[in-house]
Amino acid sequence: MTKRNEELSLEQREDIFNVLKTRFGKNMERHIGLNWAEVKSKLEANTGKLWSLSEMERTGGEPDVVGYDINTGEYIIYDCSPESPIGRRSVCYDREALESRKKNKPENNALDMATEMGIEILTEEQYRELQKLGNYDTKTSSWVKTPDHIRKLGGAIFCDRRYDTVFMYHNGADSYYAARGFRGSLRV
């Protein structure tokens, strides 16, 4: 794993704020009743989270606010790209799966990439919440957080949307496909 550099230049901060503000304004149905100025204020107070958002954006995730947790006072942000983020595809599920491959190893794995980016991989429940906001992964699929009992047996789960229905499937954790990546979440 590479050590991450969480410092953004002033220009990079302005760029990511402009992208996020524009997306926030164009997709108000994702965050009805929420205010961009309040989200921005939270991000300005936590530059590490802003760096994570820029990584989500850099890898094609198109992050956007999808909710607010009244109990913690945190905004909830998910990758909202129409398809699984292009910069996070062709990865197996985790490091154990990556190391178990003898041939044709992918360059990385979903869980390590998420950790490096400072985000969490979506759970199946979060993935289904995202799908209520639009039609995502109609041509791709995304790894989701796999329960320990499944992972201990060598498997991992992923989801997609086909036939206007969200499906959850299984695969060997060491498998990887050009059309499968992962979606992340961030709280700020």
N, C-alpha and C. Protein backbone atom coordinates (compact mmCIF):
# COMPACT_ATOMS: atom_id res chain seq x y z
N MET A 1 0.84 -1.18 0.00
CA MET A 1 0.00 0.00 0.00
C MET A 1 0.88 1.24 0.00
N THR A 2 0.48 2.22 -0.79
CA THR A 2 1.22 3.47 -0.81
C THR A 2 0.71 4.39 0.28
N LYS A 3 1.61 5.18 0.81
CA LYS A 3 1.21 6.17 1.80
C LYS A 3 0.48 7.29 1.08
N ARG A 4 -0.64 7.68 1.61
CA ARG A 4 -1.42 8.71 0.94
C ARG A 4 -1.00 10.10 1.38
N ASN A 5 -1.10 11.02 0.45
CA ASN A 5 -0.81 12.42 0.71
C ASN A 5 -2.15 13.14 0.80
N GLU A 6 -2.51 13.56 2.00
CA GLU A 6 -3.82 14.14 2.21
C GLU A 6 -3.85 15.65 2.02
N GLU A 7 -2.81 16.22 1.50
CA GLU A 7 -2.76 17.67 1.31
C GLU A 7 -3.19 18.03 -0.10
N LEU A 8 -4.16 18.90 -0.19
CA LEU A 8 -4.57 19.45 -1.48
C LEU A 8 -4.11 20.89 -1.54
N SER A 9 -3.67 21.30 -2.70
CA SER A 9 -3.29 22.71 -2.88
C SER A 9 -4.56 23.55 -2.85
N LEU A 10 -4.40 24.85 -2.72
CA LEU A 10 -5.54 25.76 -2.73
C LEU A 10 -6.33 25.60 -4.03
N GLU A 11 -5.62 25.48 -5.14
CA GLU A 11 -6.28 25.31 -6.44
C GLU A 11 -7.06 23.99 -6.49
N GLN A 12 -6.46 22.92 -5.98
CA GLN A 12 -7.15 21.61 -5.96
C GLN A 12 -8.39 21.68 -5.08
N ARG A 13 -8.29 22.36 -3.93
CA ARG A 13 -9.47 22.50 -3.04
C ARG A 13 -10.58 23.27 -3.76
N GLU A 14 -10.22 24.37 -4.41
CA GLU A 14 -11.23 25.14 -5.14
C GLU A 14 -11.87 24.31 -6.25
N ASP A 15 -11.04 23.54 -6.96
CA ASP A 15 -11.56 22.69 -8.05
C ASP A 15 -12.55 21.67 -7.53
N ILE A 16 -12.19 20.96 -6.45
CA ILE A 16 -13.09 19.92 -5.93
C ILE A 16 -14.36 20.54 -5.36
N PHE A 17 -14.25 21.69 -4.70
CA PHE A 17 -15.45 22.36 -4.21
C PHE A 17 -16.37 22.76 -5.36
N ASN A 18 -15.81 23.26 -6.45
CA ASN A 18 -16.63 23.65 -7.60
C ASN A 18 -17.34 22.44 -8.20
N VAL A 19 -16.63 21.31 -8.34
CA VAL A 19 -17.24 20.10 -8.90
C VAL A 19 -18.36 19.61 -7.97
N LEU A 20 -18.08 19.56 -6.68
CA LEU A 20 -19.07 19.05 -5.73
C LEU A 20 -20.29 19.96 -5.64
N LYS A 21 -20.07 21.28 -5.63
CA LYS A 21 -21.18 22.23 -5.57
C LYS A 21 -22.07 22.10 -6.80
N THR A 22 -21.46 21.99 -7.97
CA THR A 22 -22.23 21.85 -9.21
C THR A 22 -23.05 20.57 -9.19
N ARG A 23 -22.43 19.45 -8.79
CA ARG A 23 -23.14 18.17 -8.74
C ARG A 23 -24.27 18.24 -7.71
N PHE A 24 -24.00 18.84 -6.56
CA PHE A 24 -25.00 18.99 -5.51
C PHE A 24 -26.22 19.73 -6.06
N GLY A 25 -25.98 20.82 -6.78
CA GLY A 25 -27.07 21.62 -7.33
C GLY A 25 -27.86 20.92 -8.42
N LYS A 26 -27.18 20.09 -9.21
CA LYS A 26 -27.85 19.39 -10.32
C LYS A 26 -28.64 18.16 -9.87
N ASN A 27 -28.40 17.70 -8.65
CA ASN A 27 -29.01 16.46 -8.18
C ASN A 27 -29.70 16.63 -6.84
N MET A 28 -30.52 17.66 -6.72
CA MET A 28 -31.17 17.98 -5.45
C MET A 28 -32.05 16.85 -4.93
N GLU A 29 -32.54 15.99 -5.82
CA GLU A 29 -33.40 14.88 -5.39
C GLU A 29 -32.63 13.89 -4.51
N ARG A 30 -31.32 13.92 -4.55
CA ARG A 30 -30.51 13.03 -3.70
C ARG A 30 -30.42 13.53 -2.27
N HIS A 31 -30.65 14.82 -2.06
CA HIS A 31 -30.43 15.40 -0.73
C HIS A 31 -31.43 16.52 -0.45
N ILE A 32 -32.68 16.19 -0.57
CA ILE A 32 -33.76 17.15 -0.35
C ILE A 32 -33.64 17.73 1.06
N GLY A 33 -33.72 19.05 1.14
CA GLY A 33 -33.69 19.73 2.42
C GLY A 33 -32.30 20.01 2.96
N LEU A 34 -31.26 19.57 2.26
CA LEU A 34 -29.90 19.81 2.73
C LEU A 34 -29.32 21.02 2.02
N ASN A 35 -28.36 21.66 2.67
CA ASN A 35 -27.82 22.92 2.21
C ASN A 35 -26.33 22.78 1.88
N TRP A 36 -25.95 23.20 0.65
CA TRP A 36 -24.56 23.08 0.22
C TRP A 36 -23.59 23.84 1.14
N ALA A 37 -23.97 25.02 1.59
CA ALA A 37 -23.08 25.83 2.42
C ALA A 37 -22.70 25.09 3.71
N GLU A 38 -23.64 24.35 4.27
CA GLU A 38 -23.36 23.59 5.50
C GLU A 38 -22.44 22.41 5.21
N VAL A 39 -22.65 21.75 4.07
CA VAL A 39 -21.77 20.64 3.68
C VAL A 39 -20.36 21.17 3.46
N LYS A 40 -20.25 22.27 2.73
CA LYS A 40 -18.93 22.87 2.45
C LYS A 40 -18.22 23.25 3.74
N SER A 41 -18.95 23.82 4.67
CA SER A 41 -18.37 24.21 5.96
C SER A 41 -17.77 23.01 6.70
N LYS A 42 -18.48 21.89 6.67
CA LYS A 42 -17.98 20.65 7.30
C LYS A 42 -16.70 20.19 6.62
N LEU A 43 -16.68 20.25 5.29
CA LEU A 43 -15.50 19.82 4.53
C LEU A 43 -14.31 20.74 4.77
N GLU A 44 -14.56 22.04 4.85
CA GLU A 44 -13.48 22.99 5.11
C GLU A 44 -12.83 22.73 6.46
N ALA A 45 -13.60 22.23 7.40
CA ALA A 45 -13.08 21.94 8.74
C ALA A 45 -12.35 20.60 8.80
N ASN A 46 -12.44 19.80 7.75
CA ASN A 46 -11.80 18.49 7.75
C ASN A 46 -11.16 18.22 6.40
N THR A 47 -9.94 18.69 6.22
CA THR A 47 -9.29 18.58 4.92
C THR A 47 -8.99 17.13 4.54
N GLY A 48 -8.85 16.24 5.51
CA GLY A 48 -8.64 14.82 5.19
C GLY A 48 -9.83 14.24 4.45
N LYS A 49 -11.02 14.63 4.86
CA LYS A 49 -12.24 14.15 4.19
C LYS A 49 -12.34 14.77 2.79
N LEU A 50 -11.91 16.02 2.67
CA LEU A 50 -11.91 16.66 1.36
C LEU A 50 -10.94 15.93 0.42
N TRP A 51 -9.80 15.52 0.96
CA TRP A 51 -8.84 14.76 0.16
C TRP A 51 -9.48 13.44 -0.30
N SER A 52 -10.18 12.76 0.61
CA SER A 52 -10.85 11.51 0.24
C SER A 52 -11.87 11.74 -0.86
N LEU A 53 -12.62 12.82 -0.77
CA LEU A 53 -13.59 13.15 -1.82
C LEU A 53 -12.89 13.40 -3.15
N SER A 54 -11.73 14.06 -3.11
CA SER A 54 -11.02 14.29 -4.37
C SER A 54 -10.53 12.97 -4.96
N GLU A 55 -10.19 12.00 -4.11
CA GLU A 55 -9.81 10.68 -4.59
C GLU A 55 -11.01 9.94 -5.18
N MET A 56 -12.16 10.09 -4.55
CA MET A 56 -13.38 9.49 -5.10
C MET A 56 -13.65 10.07 -6.48
N GLU A 57 -13.48 11.38 -6.61
CA GLU A 57 -13.70 12.05 -7.89
C GLU A 57 -12.65 11.62 -8.91
N ARG A 58 -11.38 11.60 -8.51
CA ARG A 58 -10.28 11.25 -9.42
C ARG A 58 -10.46 9.86 -10.02
N THR A 59 -11.02 8.94 -9.26
CA THR A 59 -11.19 7.56 -9.72
C THR A 59 -12.54 7.32 -10.39
N GLY A 60 -13.29 8.40 -10.63
CA GLY A 60 -14.54 8.29 -11.40
C GLY A 60 -15.79 8.04 -10.60
N GLY A 61 -15.76 8.26 -9.29
CA GLY A 61 -16.91 7.94 -8.45
C GLY A 61 -18.05 8.95 -8.47
N GLU A 62 -17.76 10.18 -8.88
CA GLU A 62 -18.78 11.23 -8.88
C GLU A 62 -19.51 11.30 -7.54
N PRO A 63 -18.76 11.56 -6.44
CA PRO A 63 -19.38 11.57 -5.11
C PRO A 63 -20.40 12.68 -4.95
N ASP A 64 -21.45 12.38 -4.18
CA ASP A 64 -22.49 13.37 -3.90
C ASP A 64 -23.12 13.05 -2.55
N VAL A 65 -23.68 14.06 -1.94
CA VAL A 65 -24.36 13.91 -0.65
C VAL A 65 -25.66 13.15 -0.88
N VAL A 66 -25.89 12.10 -0.08
CA VAL A 66 -27.12 11.32 -0.21
C VAL A 66 -27.94 11.31 1.08
N GLY A 67 -27.44 11.96 2.12
CA GLY A 67 -28.20 11.98 3.36
C GLY A 67 -27.49 12.70 4.47
N TYR A 68 -28.19 12.75 5.61
CA TYR A 68 -27.67 13.39 6.81
C TYR A 68 -28.06 12.54 8.00
N ASP A 69 -27.09 12.19 8.82
CA ASP A 69 -27.33 11.38 10.01
C ASP A 69 -27.58 12.32 11.19
N ILE A 70 -28.82 12.44 11.58
CA ILE A 70 -29.20 13.37 12.65
C ILE A 70 -28.55 12.99 13.99
N ASN A 71 -28.27 11.69 14.19
CA ASN A 71 -27.67 11.24 15.45
C ASN A 71 -26.20 11.64 15.59
N THR A 72 -25.48 11.65 14.49
CA THR A 72 -24.05 11.97 14.54
C THR A 72 -23.73 13.37 14.01
N GLY A 73 -24.70 13.99 13.32
CA GLY A 73 -24.47 15.29 12.72
C GLY A 73 -23.57 15.22 11.49
N GLU A 74 -23.54 14.06 10.85
CA GLU A 74 -22.66 13.87 9.69
C GLU A 74 -23.47 13.80 8.39
N TYR A 75 -22.87 14.38 7.34
CA TYR A 75 -23.41 14.22 6.00
C TYR A 75 -22.89 12.90 5.45
N ILE A 76 -23.74 12.22 4.68
CA ILE A 76 -23.39 10.92 4.10
C ILE A 76 -23.19 11.12 2.60
N ILE A 77 -22.04 10.68 2.13
CA ILE A 77 -21.68 10.85 0.72
C ILE A 77 -21.41 9.48 0.12
N TYR A 78 -21.99 9.20 -1.05
CA TYR A 78 -21.75 7.96 -1.79
C TYR A 78 -21.21 8.29 -3.18
N ASP A 79 -20.54 7.31 -3.78
CA ASP A 79 -20.21 7.40 -5.19
C ASP A 79 -21.52 7.30 -5.97
N CYS A 80 -21.79 8.28 -6.82
CA CYS A 80 -23.04 8.31 -7.57
C CYS A 80 -22.82 8.24 -9.08
N SER A 81 -21.67 7.75 -9.52
CA SER A 81 -21.43 7.59 -10.95
C SER A 81 -22.44 6.58 -11.51
N PRO A 82 -22.91 6.79 -12.74
CA PRO A 82 -23.90 5.86 -13.30
C PRO A 82 -23.43 4.40 -13.28
N GLU A 83 -22.16 4.18 -13.58
CA GLU A 83 -21.59 2.83 -13.56
C GLU A 83 -20.51 2.77 -12.49
N SER A 84 -20.10 1.58 -12.13
CA SER A 84 -19.06 1.40 -11.12
C SER A 84 -17.85 2.26 -11.50
N PRO A 85 -17.27 2.99 -10.56
CA PRO A 85 -16.18 3.93 -10.89
C PRO A 85 -15.07 3.29 -11.73
N ILE A 86 -14.81 3.89 -12.86
CA ILE A 86 -13.87 3.33 -13.84
C ILE A 86 -12.46 3.16 -13.29
N GLY A 87 -12.05 4.05 -12.42
CA GLY A 87 -10.70 3.97 -11.85
C GLY A 87 -10.56 2.97 -10.73
N ARG A 88 -11.63 2.21 -10.47
CA ARG A 88 -11.60 1.22 -9.39
C ARG A 88 -12.11 -0.14 -9.86
N ARG A 89 -11.99 -0.40 -11.14
CA ARG A 89 -12.45 -1.68 -11.68
C ARG A 89 -11.28 -2.64 -11.85
N SER A 90 -11.61 -3.87 -12.20
CA SER A 90 -10.61 -4.94 -12.41
C SER A 90 -9.81 -5.19 -11.15
N VAL A 91 -10.50 -5.21 -10.02
CA VAL A 91 -9.86 -5.49 -8.74
C VAL A 91 -10.58 -6.66 -8.07
N CYS A 92 -9.81 -7.49 -7.37
CA CYS A 92 -10.45 -8.54 -6.58
C CYS A 92 -10.94 -7.92 -5.27
N TYR A 93 -11.50 -8.72 -4.38
CA TYR A 93 -12.16 -8.18 -3.21
C TYR A 93 -11.20 -7.63 -2.15
N ASP A 94 -10.22 -8.44 -1.71
CA ASP A 94 -9.35 -7.99 -0.62
C ASP A 94 -7.92 -8.50 -0.81
N ARG A 95 -7.03 -8.11 0.10
CA ARG A 95 -5.62 -8.47 -0.01
C ARG A 95 -5.42 -9.99 0.05
N GLU A 96 -6.14 -10.68 0.92
CA GLU A 96 -6.02 -12.14 1.00
C GLU A 96 -6.34 -12.77 -0.35
N ALA A 97 -7.38 -12.30 -0.99
CA ALA A 97 -7.75 -12.83 -2.31
C ALA A 97 -6.67 -12.51 -3.35
N LEU A 98 -6.14 -11.31 -3.30
CA LEU A 98 -5.09 -10.91 -4.23
C LEU A 98 -3.86 -11.78 -4.07
N GLU A 99 -3.45 -12.01 -2.83
CA GLU A 99 -2.25 -12.80 -2.57
C GLU A 99 -2.46 -14.29 -2.88
N SER A 100 -3.69 -14.75 -2.88
CA SER A 100 -3.96 -16.16 -3.17
C SER A 100 -3.88 -16.48 -4.66
N ARG A 101 -3.97 -15.46 -5.50
CA ARG A 101 -3.90 -15.68 -6.96
C ARG A 101 -2.47 -16.01 -7.35
N LYS A 102 -2.32 -17.06 -8.10
CA LYS A 102 -1.00 -17.46 -8.58
C LYS A 102 -0.70 -16.86 -9.94
N LYS A 103 -1.73 -16.70 -10.78
CA LYS A 103 -1.57 -16.18 -12.13
C LYS A 103 -2.51 -15.00 -12.35
N ASN A 104 -2.13 -14.14 -13.27
CA ASN A 104 -2.99 -13.04 -13.71
C ASN A 104 -3.55 -12.22 -12.55
N LYS A 105 -2.67 -11.82 -11.66
CA LYS A 105 -3.12 -11.02 -10.52
C LYS A 105 -3.56 -9.63 -10.98
N PRO A 106 -4.66 -9.13 -10.41
CA PRO A 106 -5.01 -7.74 -10.69
C PRO A 106 -4.02 -6.81 -9.99
N GLU A 107 -4.05 -5.55 -10.33
CA GLU A 107 -3.12 -4.61 -9.73
C GLU A 107 -3.45 -4.29 -8.28
N ASN A 108 -4.71 -4.43 -7.88
CA ASN A 108 -5.09 -4.03 -6.53
C ASN A 108 -6.34 -4.77 -6.11
N ASN A 109 -6.85 -4.42 -4.94
CA ASN A 109 -8.08 -5.01 -4.43
C ASN A 109 -8.96 -3.91 -3.83
N ALA A 110 -10.25 -4.18 -3.77
CA ALA A 110 -11.23 -3.18 -3.38
C ALA A 110 -11.02 -2.66 -1.95
N LEU A 111 -10.81 -3.55 -0.99
CA LEU A 111 -10.72 -3.09 0.39
C LEU A 111 -9.48 -2.24 0.64
N ASP A 112 -8.34 -2.63 0.07
CA ASP A 112 -7.13 -1.82 0.25
C ASP A 112 -7.28 -0.46 -0.44
N MET A 113 -7.87 -0.45 -1.63
CA MET A 113 -8.07 0.83 -2.32
C MET A 113 -8.95 1.76 -1.50
N ALA A 114 -10.03 1.21 -0.94
CA ALA A 114 -10.93 2.03 -0.13
C ALA A 114 -10.18 2.60 1.08
N THR A 115 -9.40 1.77 1.74
CA THR A 115 -8.62 2.23 2.90
C THR A 115 -7.65 3.33 2.49
N GLU A 116 -6.95 3.13 1.38
CA GLU A 116 -5.99 4.13 0.89
C GLU A 116 -6.69 5.46 0.60
N MET A 117 -7.93 5.39 0.16
CA MET A 117 -8.68 6.59 -0.18
C MET A 117 -9.37 7.21 1.04
N GLY A 118 -9.39 6.51 2.16
CA GLY A 118 -10.04 7.01 3.36
C GLY A 118 -11.55 6.90 3.32
N ILE A 119 -12.06 5.91 2.57
CA ILE A 119 -13.50 5.70 2.44
C ILE A 119 -13.85 4.27 2.85
N GLU A 120 -15.13 4.00 2.96
CA GLU A 120 -15.63 2.66 3.26
C GLU A 120 -16.32 2.12 2.01
N ILE A 121 -16.17 0.83 1.76
CA ILE A 121 -16.90 0.19 0.67
C ILE A 121 -18.38 0.10 1.10
N LEU A 122 -19.29 0.31 0.15
CA LEU A 122 -20.71 0.24 0.49
C LEU A 122 -21.11 -1.14 0.97
N THR A 123 -22.02 -1.19 1.91
CA THR A 123 -22.64 -2.45 2.31
C THR A 123 -23.77 -2.74 1.33
N GLU A 124 -24.31 -3.94 1.37
CA GLU A 124 -25.45 -4.26 0.52
C GLU A 124 -26.61 -3.32 0.82
N GLU A 125 -26.86 -3.04 2.08
CA GLU A 125 -27.96 -2.14 2.46
C GLU A 125 -27.73 -0.73 1.89
N GLN A 126 -26.52 -0.22 2.00
CA GLN A 126 -26.23 1.10 1.45
C GLN A 126 -26.38 1.10 -0.08
N TYR A 127 -25.94 0.02 -0.70
CA TYR A 127 -26.06 -0.09 -2.16
C TYR A 127 -27.53 -0.03 -2.56
N ARG A 128 -28.39 -0.72 -1.83
CA ARG A 128 -29.82 -0.69 -2.13
C ARG A 128 -30.42 0.69 -1.88
N GLU A 129 -29.91 1.40 -0.86
CA GLU A 129 -30.35 2.78 -0.61
C GLU A 129 -29.98 3.67 -1.80
N LEU A 130 -28.75 3.51 -2.29
CA LEU A 130 -28.31 4.29 -3.45
C LEU A 130 -29.22 4.04 -4.64
N GLN A 131 -29.60 2.80 -4.85
CA GLN A 131 -30.43 2.45 -6.01
C GLN A 131 -31.82 3.07 -5.94
N LYS A 132 -32.26 3.49 -4.77
CA LYS A 132 -33.55 4.19 -4.65
C LYS A 132 -33.46 5.60 -5.20
N LEU A 133 -32.22 6.10 -5.38
CA LEU A 133 -32.01 7.46 -5.87
C LEU A 133 -31.83 7.53 -7.38
N GLY A 134 -31.73 6.38 -8.03
CA GLY A 134 -31.52 6.34 -9.48
C GLY A 134 -31.22 4.93 -9.93
N ASN A 135 -30.83 4.80 -11.19
CA ASN A 135 -30.47 3.50 -11.75
C ASN A 135 -28.96 3.45 -11.92
N TYR A 136 -28.28 2.70 -11.07
CA TYR A 136 -26.83 2.60 -11.07
C TYR A 136 -26.40 1.18 -11.42
N ASP A 137 -25.24 1.07 -12.04
CA ASP A 137 -24.66 -0.24 -12.41
C ASP A 137 -25.59 -1.06 -13.29
N THR A 138 -26.08 -0.45 -14.36
CA THR A 138 -26.92 -1.20 -15.30
C THR A 138 -26.07 -1.96 -16.32
N LYS A 139 -24.78 -1.64 -16.40
CA LYS A 139 -23.86 -2.34 -17.30
C LYS A 139 -22.64 -2.88 -16.56
N THR A 140 -22.47 -2.48 -15.30
CA THR A 140 -21.32 -2.90 -14.50
C THR A 140 -21.84 -3.53 -13.21
N SER A 141 -20.93 -3.88 -12.32
CA SER A 141 -21.29 -4.38 -11.00
C SER A 141 -20.29 -3.83 -9.99
N SER A 142 -20.66 -3.88 -8.72
CA SER A 142 -19.80 -3.34 -7.67
C SER A 142 -19.71 -4.30 -6.50
N TRP A 143 -18.44 -4.56 -6.08
CA TRP A 143 -18.25 -5.31 -4.84
C TRP A 143 -18.92 -4.55 -3.71
N VAL A 144 -19.51 -5.27 -2.76
CA VAL A 144 -20.04 -4.67 -1.54
C VAL A 144 -19.43 -5.39 -0.35
N LYS A 145 -19.51 -4.75 0.81
CA LYS A 145 -18.93 -5.31 2.04
C LYS A 145 -19.50 -6.71 2.25
N THR A 146 -18.60 -7.66 2.36
CA THR A 146 -19.00 -9.07 2.47
C THR A 146 -19.01 -9.51 3.93
N PRO A 147 -20.09 -10.16 4.38
CA PRO A 147 -20.12 -10.68 5.75
C PRO A 147 -18.97 -11.66 5.99
N ASP A 148 -18.43 -11.63 7.20
CA ASP A 148 -17.28 -12.47 7.55
C ASP A 148 -17.50 -13.95 7.27
N HIS A 149 -18.71 -14.45 7.56
CA HIS A 149 -18.93 -15.89 7.38
C HIS A 149 -18.83 -16.30 5.90
N ILE A 150 -19.18 -15.41 4.99
CA ILE A 150 -19.03 -15.70 3.56
C ILE A 150 -17.57 -15.58 3.15
N ARG A 151 -16.92 -14.54 3.64
CA ARG A 151 -15.52 -14.31 3.27
C ARG A 151 -14.62 -15.43 3.78
N LYS A 152 -14.90 -15.95 4.97
CA LYS A 152 -14.08 -17.05 5.54
C LYS A 152 -14.14 -18.30 4.67
N LEU A 153 -15.20 -18.43 3.89
CA LEU A 153 -15.35 -19.59 3.01
C LEU A 153 -14.81 -19.31 1.60
N GLY A 154 -14.20 -18.13 1.42
CA GLY A 154 -13.58 -17.81 0.14
C GLY A 154 -14.40 -16.96 -0.79
N GLY A 155 -15.62 -16.62 -0.38
CA GLY A 155 -16.49 -15.86 -1.25
C GLY A 155 -16.52 -14.38 -0.96
N ALA A 156 -17.14 -13.66 -1.84
CA ALA A 156 -17.41 -12.23 -1.68
C ALA A 156 -18.68 -11.92 -2.46
N ILE A 157 -19.34 -10.83 -2.10
CA ILE A 157 -20.60 -10.50 -2.77
C ILE A 157 -20.47 -9.19 -3.54
N PHE A 158 -21.28 -9.09 -4.58
CA PHE A 158 -21.34 -7.88 -5.39
C PHE A 158 -22.78 -7.69 -5.82
N CYS A 159 -23.08 -6.47 -6.26
CA CYS A 159 -24.44 -6.12 -6.66
C CYS A 159 -24.43 -5.41 -8.00
N ASP A 160 -25.57 -5.43 -8.65
CA ASP A 160 -25.80 -4.64 -9.85
C ASP A 160 -27.29 -4.44 -10.03
N ARG A 161 -27.65 -3.73 -11.09
CA ARG A 161 -29.06 -3.49 -11.40
C ARG A 161 -29.31 -3.99 -12.82
N ARG A 162 -30.20 -4.95 -12.94
CA ARG A 162 -30.62 -5.47 -14.24
C ARG A 162 -32.12 -5.67 -14.20
N TYR A 163 -32.77 -5.51 -15.34
CA TYR A 163 -34.21 -5.74 -15.44
C TYR A 163 -34.99 -4.94 -14.39
N ASP A 164 -34.52 -3.72 -14.15
CA ASP A 164 -35.13 -2.82 -13.19
C ASP A 164 -35.20 -3.42 -11.78
N THR A 165 -34.23 -4.27 -11.46
CA THR A 165 -34.16 -4.94 -10.15
C THR A 165 -32.71 -4.94 -9.67
N VAL A 166 -32.51 -4.73 -8.38
CA VAL A 166 -31.17 -4.79 -7.80
C VAL A 166 -30.91 -6.23 -7.37
N PHE A 167 -29.82 -6.79 -7.87
CA PHE A 167 -29.44 -8.16 -7.57
C PHE A 167 -28.18 -8.18 -6.71
N MET A 168 -28.09 -9.16 -5.84
CA MET A 168 -26.89 -9.43 -5.07
C MET A 168 -26.43 -10.83 -5.48
N TYR A 169 -25.13 -10.95 -5.79
CA TYR A 169 -24.56 -12.21 -6.24
C TYR A 169 -23.33 -12.54 -5.42
N HIS A 170 -22.76 -13.69 -5.72
CA HIS A 170 -21.52 -14.11 -5.06
C HIS A 170 -20.50 -14.49 -6.12
N ASN A 171 -19.25 -14.47 -5.71
CA ASN A 171 -18.14 -14.89 -6.56
C ASN A 171 -17.00 -15.25 -5.63
N GLY A 172 -16.00 -15.92 -6.16
CA GLY A 172 -14.78 -16.09 -5.38
C GLY A 172 -14.17 -14.72 -5.15
N ALA A 173 -13.68 -14.47 -3.96
CA ALA A 173 -13.13 -13.16 -3.63
C ALA A 173 -11.93 -12.81 -4.51
N ASP A 174 -11.29 -13.82 -5.08
CA ASP A 174 -10.11 -13.57 -5.91
C ASP A 174 -10.46 -13.26 -7.36
N SER A 175 -11.75 -13.30 -7.72
CA SER A 175 -12.13 -13.00 -9.10
C SER A 175 -12.09 -11.49 -9.34
N TYR A 176 -11.91 -11.13 -10.59
CA TYR A 176 -11.97 -9.72 -10.96
C TYR A 176 -12.38 -9.63 -12.43
N TYR A 177 -13.08 -8.56 -12.73
CA TYR A 177 -13.61 -8.36 -14.07
C TYR A 177 -13.50 -6.90 -14.46
N ALA A 178 -13.35 -6.64 -15.74
CA ALA A 178 -13.22 -5.27 -16.24
C ALA A 178 -14.45 -4.42 -15.92
N ALA A 179 -15.59 -5.04 -15.75
CA ALA A 179 -16.83 -4.31 -15.48
C ALA A 179 -17.22 -4.34 -14.00
N ARG A 180 -16.32 -4.78 -13.12
CA ARG A 180 -16.65 -4.79 -11.69
C ARG A 180 -15.64 -3.96 -10.92
N GLY A 181 -16.18 -3.03 -10.14
CA GLY A 181 -15.36 -2.21 -9.27
C GLY A 181 -15.97 -2.17 -7.89
N PHE A 182 -15.92 -1.02 -7.26
CA PHE A 182 -16.59 -0.86 -5.97
C PHE A 182 -16.98 0.59 -5.79
N ARG A 183 -18.00 0.79 -4.99
CA ARG A 183 -18.48 2.12 -4.65
C ARG A 183 -18.18 2.38 -3.18
N GLY A 184 -17.92 3.63 -2.88
CA GLY A 184 -17.55 3.98 -1.51
C GLY A 184 -18.50 4.95 -0.86
N SER A 185 -18.33 5.06 0.45
CA SER A 185 -19.09 6.03 1.24
C SER A 185 -18.12 6.79 2.12
N LEU A 186 -18.55 7.99 2.48
CA LEU A 186 -17.77 8.86 3.35
C LEU A 186 -18.74 9.64 4.20
N ARG A 187 -18.38 9.83 5.45
CA ARG A 187 -19.19 10.65 6.36
C ARG A 187 -18.37 11.85 6.77
N VAL A 188 -19.01 13.00 6.77
CA VAL A 188 -18.31 14.21 7.18
C VAL A 188 -19.23 15.11 8.00
